[in-house]
Amino acid sequence: MNSLITSSRVLARNVTMFQTATRSMAGSPAPWNYLWKPGPYPIDDEERRAAAKKYGMLLEDYKPNEEMDAMMGDYPVLPIEPQLEKKAMVDWDCPEYRRNYGEPLQEEWWKYQEIRFTPNRDYRYTRGQIYMCQLTMLFSTILIYFLVDGEYWIPRLTQQRMAIQIVSEGPHYTFDEPE
């Protein structure tokens, strides 16, 4: 607290220091705040051309979102490209995100980071093969269970026990020596 009071006294006495501190802490917002903010939906070709230039895209590739409820303005509709499917050995500007500076992001890019959801496009097996393998394993497990249940020639594998010794059936042992 004492250092705060001393620094405020020094700033109050020295006006140029106060002006420098004010100038370096305040001012216009950082460039990405207003340059990348989506503008209104482009209506004519001139606005489309300006929006495509703003996002660094070719006019043929630029396509704004047609859905009015999305409230994306002139931001382009980009394909989903998960980080995991991008090539890792490319010299990226931001290698932890596998993207270059100034590259426009897909609207929900945070969902498709490498540590999150990745909608695999290059499956090793088709969906039919995956489901068939799963059903095969399920039915083979059920079949093996019924085969080793003791009814179909394969004895049930249980721990061997003797018959229950009930008192009403008489003694099951004697202390006599066998003859």
C-alpha atoms as a PDB file:
ATOM      1  CA  MET A   1       0.000   0.000   0.000  1.00  0.00           C
ATOM      2  CA  ASN A   2       2.874   2.326   0.828  1.00  0.00           C
ATOM      3  CA  SER A   3       4.448   1.827  -2.609  1.00  0.00           C
ATOM      4  CA  LEU A   4       1.126   2.648  -4.268  1.00  0.00           C
ATOM      5  CA  ILE A   5       0.894   5.944  -2.384  1.00  0.00           C
ATOM      6  CA  THR A   6       4.482   6.850  -3.243  1.00  0.00           C
ATOM      7  CA  SER A   7       4.039   6.083  -6.927  1.00  0.00           C
ATOM      8  CA  SER A   8       0.828   8.138  -7.091  1.00  0.00           C
ATOM      9  CA  ARG A   9       2.639  11.098  -5.453  1.00  0.00           C
ATOM     10  CA  VAL A  10       5.486  10.823  -7.950  1.00  0.00           C
ATOM     11  CA  LEU A  11       3.040  10.717 -10.866  1.00  0.00           C
ATOM     12  CA  ALA A  12       1.121  13.684  -9.514  1.00  0.00           C
ATOM     13  CA  ARG A  13       4.258  15.798  -9.221  1.00  0.00           C
ATOM     14  CA  ASN A  14       5.756  14.813 -12.557  1.00  0.00           C
ATOM     15  CA  VAL A  15       3.166  15.623 -15.242  1.00  0.00           C
ATOM     16  CA  THR A  16       5.140  14.186 -18.182  1.00  0.00           C
ATOM     17  CA  MET A  17       5.403  10.816 -16.473  1.00  0.00           C
ATOM     18  CA  PHE A  18       1.640  10.871 -15.890  1.00  0.00           C
ATOM     19  CA  GLN A  19       0.964  11.684 -19.547  1.00  0.00           C
ATOM     20  CA  THR A  20       3.260   8.873 -20.711  1.00  0.00           C
ATOM     21  CA  ALA A  21       1.585   6.360 -18.399  1.00  0.00           C
ATOM     22  CA  THR A  22      -1.864   7.473 -19.572  1.00  0.00           C
ATOM     23  CA  ARG A  23      -0.887   7.310 -23.245  1.00  0.00           C
ATOM     24  CA  SER A  24       0.592   3.824 -22.996  1.00  0.00           C
ATOM     25  CA  MET A  25      -2.337   2.371 -21.059  1.00  0.00           C
ATOM     26  CA  ALA A  26      -5.212   3.880 -22.998  1.00  0.00           C
ATOM     27  CA  GLY A  27      -5.968   4.619 -26.609  1.00  0.00           C
ATOM     28  CA  SER A  28      -7.549   2.956 -29.576  1.00  0.00           C
ATOM     29  CA  PRO A  29      -8.438  -0.743 -29.331  1.00  0.00           C
ATOM     30  CA  ALA A  30      -6.105  -3.385 -30.652  1.00  0.00           C
ATOM     31  CA  PRO A  31      -6.373  -3.962 -34.433  1.00  0.00           C
ATOM     32  CA  TRP A  32      -8.065  -7.352 -34.271  1.00  0.00           C
ATOM     33  CA  ASN A  33     -10.987  -5.937 -32.309  1.00  0.00           C
ATOM     34  CA  TYR A  34     -12.393  -3.828 -35.106  1.00  0.00           C
ATOM     35  CA  LEU A  35     -10.758  -5.219 -38.247  1.00  0.00           C
ATOM     36  CA  TRP A  36     -12.095  -8.742 -37.809  1.00  0.00           C
ATOM     37  CA  LYS A  37     -15.501  -7.797 -36.478  1.00  0.00           C
ATOM     38  CA  PRO A  38     -18.170  -8.987 -38.949  1.00  0.00           C
ATOM     39  CA  GLY A  39     -19.898  -6.214 -40.848  1.00  0.00           C
ATOM     40  CA  PRO A  40     -23.446  -6.214 -42.181  1.00  0.00           C
ATOM     41  CA  TYR A  41     -24.542  -8.914 -44.605  1.00  0.00           C
ATOM     42  CA  PRO A  42     -23.290  -8.052 -48.138  1.00  0.00           C
ATOM     43  CA  ILE A  43     -26.144  -7.248 -50.508  1.00  0.00           C
ATOM     44  CA  ASP A  44     -24.514  -6.343 -53.819  1.00  0.00           C
ATOM     45  CA  ASP A  45     -21.352  -7.521 -55.599  1.00  0.00           C
ATOM     46  CA  GLU A  46     -19.285  -4.557 -54.436  1.00  0.00           C
ATOM     47  CA  GLU A  47     -19.934  -5.384 -50.762  1.00  0.00           C
ATOM     48  CA  ARG A  48     -19.189  -9.059 -51.430  1.00  0.00           C
ATOM     49  CA  ARG A  49     -15.886  -8.121 -53.066  1.00  0.00           C
ATOM     50  CA  ALA A  50     -14.961  -5.886 -50.102  1.00  0.00           C
ATOM     51  CA  ALA A  51     -15.869  -8.611 -47.579  1.00  0.00           C
ATOM     52  CA  ALA A  52     -13.858 -11.226 -49.495  1.00  0.00           C
ATOM     53  CA  LYS A  53     -10.853  -8.874 -49.488  1.00  0.00           C
ATOM     54  CA  LYS A  54     -11.351  -8.184 -45.771  1.00  0.00           C
ATOM     55  CA  TYR A  55     -11.088 -11.900 -44.948  1.00  0.00           C
ATOM     56  CA  GLY A  56      -8.279 -12.573 -47.445  1.00  0.00           C
ATOM     57  CA  MET A  57     -10.334 -14.839 -49.702  1.00  0.00           C
ATOM     58  CA  LEU A  58     -10.984 -15.046 -53.417  1.00  0.00           C
ATOM     59  CA  LEU A  59     -14.369 -13.763 -54.530  1.00  0.00           C
ATOM     60  CA  GLU A  60     -15.225 -17.226 -55.896  1.00  0.00           C
ATOM     61  CA  ASP A  61     -14.455 -18.854 -52.519  1.00  0.00           C
ATOM     62  CA  TYR A  62     -16.265 -16.272 -50.415  1.00  0.00           C
ATOM     63  CA  LYS A  63     -19.795 -17.232 -49.415  1.00  0.00           C
ATOM     64  CA  PRO A  64     -21.606 -15.497 -46.532  1.00  0.00           C
ATOM     65  CA  ASN A  65     -24.023 -17.433 -44.366  1.00  0.00           C
ATOM     66  CA  GLU A  66     -27.517 -17.399 -45.887  1.00  0.00           C
ATOM     67  CA  GLU A  67     -29.188 -18.285 -42.597  1.00  0.00           C
ATOM     68  CA  MET A  68     -30.351 -15.050 -40.997  1.00  0.00           C
ATOM     69  CA  ASP A  69     -30.632 -16.545 -37.494  1.00  0.00           C
ATOM     70  CA  ALA A  70     -26.897 -17.284 -37.425  1.00  0.00           C
ATOM     71  CA  MET A  71     -26.164 -13.531 -37.064  1.00  0.00           C
ATOM     72  CA  MET A  72     -22.743 -13.910 -38.700  1.00  0.00           C
ATOM     73  CA  GLY A  73     -23.016 -10.774 -40.840  1.00  0.00           C
ATOM     74  CA  ASP A  74     -20.460 -10.849 -43.651  1.00  0.00           C
ATOM     75  CA  TYR A  75     -18.324 -13.581 -42.026  1.00  0.00           C
ATOM     76  CA  PRO A  76     -17.734 -16.405 -44.548  1.00  0.00           C
ATOM     77  CA  VAL A  77     -19.039 -19.947 -44.220  1.00  0.00           C
ATOM     78  CA  LEU A  78     -15.940 -22.105 -44.014  1.00  0.00           C
ATOM     79  CA  PRO A  79     -15.687 -25.906 -44.145  1.00  0.00           C
ATOM     80  CA  ILE A  80     -14.988 -27.862 -40.980  1.00  0.00           C
ATOM     81  CA  GLU A  81     -11.285 -28.670 -40.881  1.00  0.00           C
ATOM     82  CA  PRO A  82     -10.231 -30.256 -37.561  1.00  0.00           C
ATOM     83  CA  GLN A  83      -6.731 -29.607 -36.280  1.00  0.00           C
ATOM     84  CA  LEU A  84      -5.939 -33.293 -36.072  1.00  0.00           C
ATOM     85  CA  GLU A  85      -6.479 -33.723 -39.813  1.00  0.00           C
ATOM     86  CA  LYS A  86      -4.187 -30.839 -40.773  1.00  0.00           C
ATOM     87  CA  LYS A  87      -0.608 -31.743 -41.599  1.00  0.00           C
ATOM     88  CA  ALA A  88       1.600 -31.407 -38.542  1.00  0.00           C
ATOM     89  CA  MET A  89       4.902 -30.946 -40.374  1.00  0.00           C
ATOM     90  CA  VAL A  90       3.858 -27.723 -42.123  1.00  0.00           C
ATOM     91  CA  ASP A  91       5.627 -24.588 -40.915  1.00  0.00           C
ATOM     92  CA  TRP A  92       2.589 -23.016 -39.217  1.00  0.00           C
ATOM     93  CA  ASP A  93       2.659 -19.524 -37.739  1.00  0.00           C
ATOM     94  CA  CYS A  94       0.820 -20.933 -34.688  1.00  0.00           C
ATOM     95  CA  PRO A  95       1.930 -24.586 -34.577  1.00  0.00           C
ATOM     96  CA  GLU A  96      -0.070 -25.359 -31.417  1.00  0.00           C
ATOM     97  CA  TYR A  97      -3.287 -24.529 -33.325  1.00  0.00           C
ATOM     98  CA  ARG A  98      -2.001 -25.590 -36.776  1.00  0.00           C
ATOM     99  CA  ARG A  99      -3.032 -22.323 -38.378  1.00  0.00           C
ATOM    100  CA  ASN A 100      -1.412 -19.316 -39.994  1.00  0.00           C
ATOM    101  CA  TYR A 101      -1.725 -15.690 -38.967  1.00  0.00           C
ATOM    102  CA  GLY A 102      -4.693 -13.964 -40.589  1.00  0.00           C
ATOM    103  CA  GLU A 103      -6.345 -17.222 -41.631  1.00  0.00           C
ATOM    104  CA  PRO A 104     -10.114 -16.955 -41.148  1.00  0.00           C
ATOM    105  CA  LEU A 105     -11.477 -19.492 -38.688  1.00  0.00           C
ATOM    106  CA  GLN A 106     -14.528 -21.654 -39.035  1.00  0.00           C
ATOM    107  CA  GLU A 107     -17.430 -20.356 -36.921  1.00  0.00           C
ATOM    108  CA  GLU A 108     -17.101 -23.074 -34.269  1.00  0.00           C
ATOM    109  CA  TRP A 109     -13.368 -23.729 -34.602  1.00  0.00           C
ATOM    110  CA  TRP A 110     -12.919 -24.265 -30.848  1.00  0.00           C
ATOM    111  CA  LYS A 111     -14.928 -27.505 -31.070  1.00  0.00           C
ATOM    112  CA  TYR A 112     -12.489 -29.063 -33.507  1.00  0.00           C
ATOM    113  CA  GLN A 113      -9.184 -28.532 -31.742  1.00  0.00           C
ATOM    114  CA  GLU A 114      -6.768 -31.425 -31.489  1.00  0.00           C
ATOM    115  CA  ILE A 115      -7.646 -32.184 -27.867  1.00  0.00           C
ATOM    116  CA  ARG A 116     -11.392 -32.107 -28.528  1.00  0.00           C
ATOM    117  CA  PHE A 117     -13.863 -33.584 -30.998  1.00  0.00           C
ATOM    118  CA  THR A 118     -12.581 -34.717 -34.380  1.00  0.00           C
ATOM    119  CA  PRO A 119     -15.130 -35.924 -36.929  1.00  0.00           C
ATOM    120  CA  ASN A 120     -12.944 -38.507 -38.628  1.00  0.00           C
ATOM    121  CA  ARG A 121     -13.331 -38.389 -42.375  1.00  0.00           C
ATOM    122  CA  ASP A 122     -10.772 -41.073 -43.107  1.00  0.00           C
ATOM    123  CA  TYR A 123     -12.109 -44.109 -41.279  1.00  0.00           C
ATOM    124  CA  ARG A 124     -10.091 -47.292 -41.488  1.00  0.00           C
ATOM    125  CA  TYR A 125     -13.335 -49.271 -41.757  1.00  0.00           C
ATOM    126  CA  THR A 126     -16.738 -48.310 -43.086  1.00  0.00           C
ATOM    127  CA  ARG A 127     -19.647 -47.879 -40.692  1.00  0.00           C
ATOM    128  CA  GLY A 128     -21.198 -51.121 -41.945  1.00  0.00           C
ATOM    129  CA  GLN A 129     -18.012 -53.019 -41.134  1.00  0.00           C
ATOM    130  CA  ILE A 130     -17.838 -51.451 -37.671  1.00  0.00           C
ATOM    131  CA  TYR A 131     -21.450 -52.359 -36.835  1.00  0.00           C
ATOM    132  CA  MET A 132     -21.074 -55.860 -38.290  1.00  0.00           C
ATOM    133  CA  CYS A 133     -17.991 -56.482 -36.154  1.00  0.00           C
ATOM    134  CA  GLN A 134     -19.825 -55.260 -33.056  1.00  0.00           C
ATOM    135  CA  LEU A 135     -22.853 -57.486 -33.751  1.00  0.00           C
ATOM    136  CA  THR A 136     -20.572 -60.453 -34.457  1.00  0.00           C
ATOM    137  CA  MET A 137     -18.834 -60.012 -31.116  1.00  0.00           C
ATOM    138  CA  LEU A 138     -22.170 -59.654 -29.293  1.00  0.00           C
ATOM    139  CA  PHE A 139     -23.706 -62.794 -30.800  1.00  0.00           C
ATOM    140  CA  SER A 140     -20.516 -64.841 -30.404  1.00  0.00           C
ATOM    141  CA  THR A 141     -20.409 -63.892 -26.700  1.00  0.00           C
ATOM    142  CA  ILE A 142     -24.045 -64.949 -26.272  1.00  0.00           C
ATOM    143  CA  LEU A 143     -23.383 -68.219 -28.171  1.00  0.00           C
ATOM    144  CA  ILE A 144     -20.348 -69.073 -26.041  1.00  0.00           C
ATOM    145  CA  TYR A 145     -22.364 -68.355 -22.893  1.00  0.00           C
ATOM    146  CA  PHE A 146     -25.111 -70.787 -23.945  1.00  0.00           C
ATOM    147  CA  LEU A 147     -22.606 -73.450 -25.066  1.00  0.00           C
ATOM    148  CA  VAL A 148     -20.768 -73.577 -21.752  1.00  0.00           C
ATOM    149  CA  ASP A 149     -23.964 -73.409 -19.709  1.00  0.00           C
ATOM    150  CA  GLY A 150     -23.875 -77.169 -19.188  1.00  0.00           C
ATOM    151  CA  GLU A 151     -26.705 -78.208 -21.503  1.00  0.00           C
ATOM    152  CA  TYR A 152     -24.914 -78.732 -24.833  1.00  0.00           C
ATOM    153  CA  TRP A 153     -22.216 -81.378 -24.239  1.00  0.00           C
ATOM    154  CA  ILE A 154     -19.802 -78.952 -22.621  1.00  0.00           C
ATOM    155  CA  PRO A 155     -19.849 -79.278 -18.834  1.00  0.00           C
ATOM    156  CA  ARG A 156     -20.375 -76.182 -16.763  1.00  0.00           C
ATOM    157  CA  LEU A 157     -17.085 -75.027 -15.340  1.00  0.00           C
ATOM    158  CA  THR A 158     -17.814 -74.499 -11.678  1.00  0.00           C
ATOM    159  CA  GLN A 159     -16.007 -75.181  -8.442  1.00  0.00           C
ATOM    160  CA  GLN A 160     -16.512 -78.805  -7.423  1.00  0.00           C
ATOM    161  CA  ARG A 161     -18.426 -79.334  -4.186  1.00  0.00           C
ATOM    162  CA  MET A 162     -19.679 -82.383  -2.320  1.00  0.00           C
ATOM    163  CA  ALA A 163     -23.361 -83.014  -1.703  1.00  0.00           C
ATOM    164  CA  ILE A 164     -24.972 -81.051   1.104  1.00  0.00           C
ATOM    165  CA  GLN A 165     -24.774 -82.920   4.411  1.00  0.00           C
ATOM    166  CA  ILE A 166     -28.134 -82.683   6.133  1.00  0.00           C
ATOM    167  CA  VAL A 167     -28.507 -83.989   9.730  1.00  0.00           C
ATOM    168  CA  SER A 168     -31.859 -85.692   9.038  1.00  0.00           C
ATOM    169  CA  GLU A 169     -30.211 -87.980   6.486  1.00  0.00           C
ATOM    170  CA  GLY A 170     -27.993 -89.474   9.142  1.00  0.00           C
ATOM    171  CA  PRO A 171     -24.280 -89.284   9.839  1.00  0.00           C
ATOM    172  CA  HIS A 172     -22.056 -88.990   6.817  1.00  0.00           C
ATOM    173  CA  TYR A 173     -18.925 -90.034   8.666  1.00  0.00           C
ATOM    174  CA  THR A 174     -17.822 -92.495  11.320  1.00  0.00           C
ATOM    175  CA  PHE A 175     -14.818 -92.825  13.579  1.00  0.00           C
ATOM    176  CA  ASP A 176     -14.527 -96.538  12.954  1.00  0.00           C
ATOM    177  CA  GLU A 177     -11.477 -97.846  11.224  1.00  0.00           C
ATOM    178  CA  PRO A 178     -12.161 -99.223   7.784  1.00  0.00           C
ATOM    179  CA  GLU A 179     -12.040-103.001   7.521  1.00  0.00           C
END
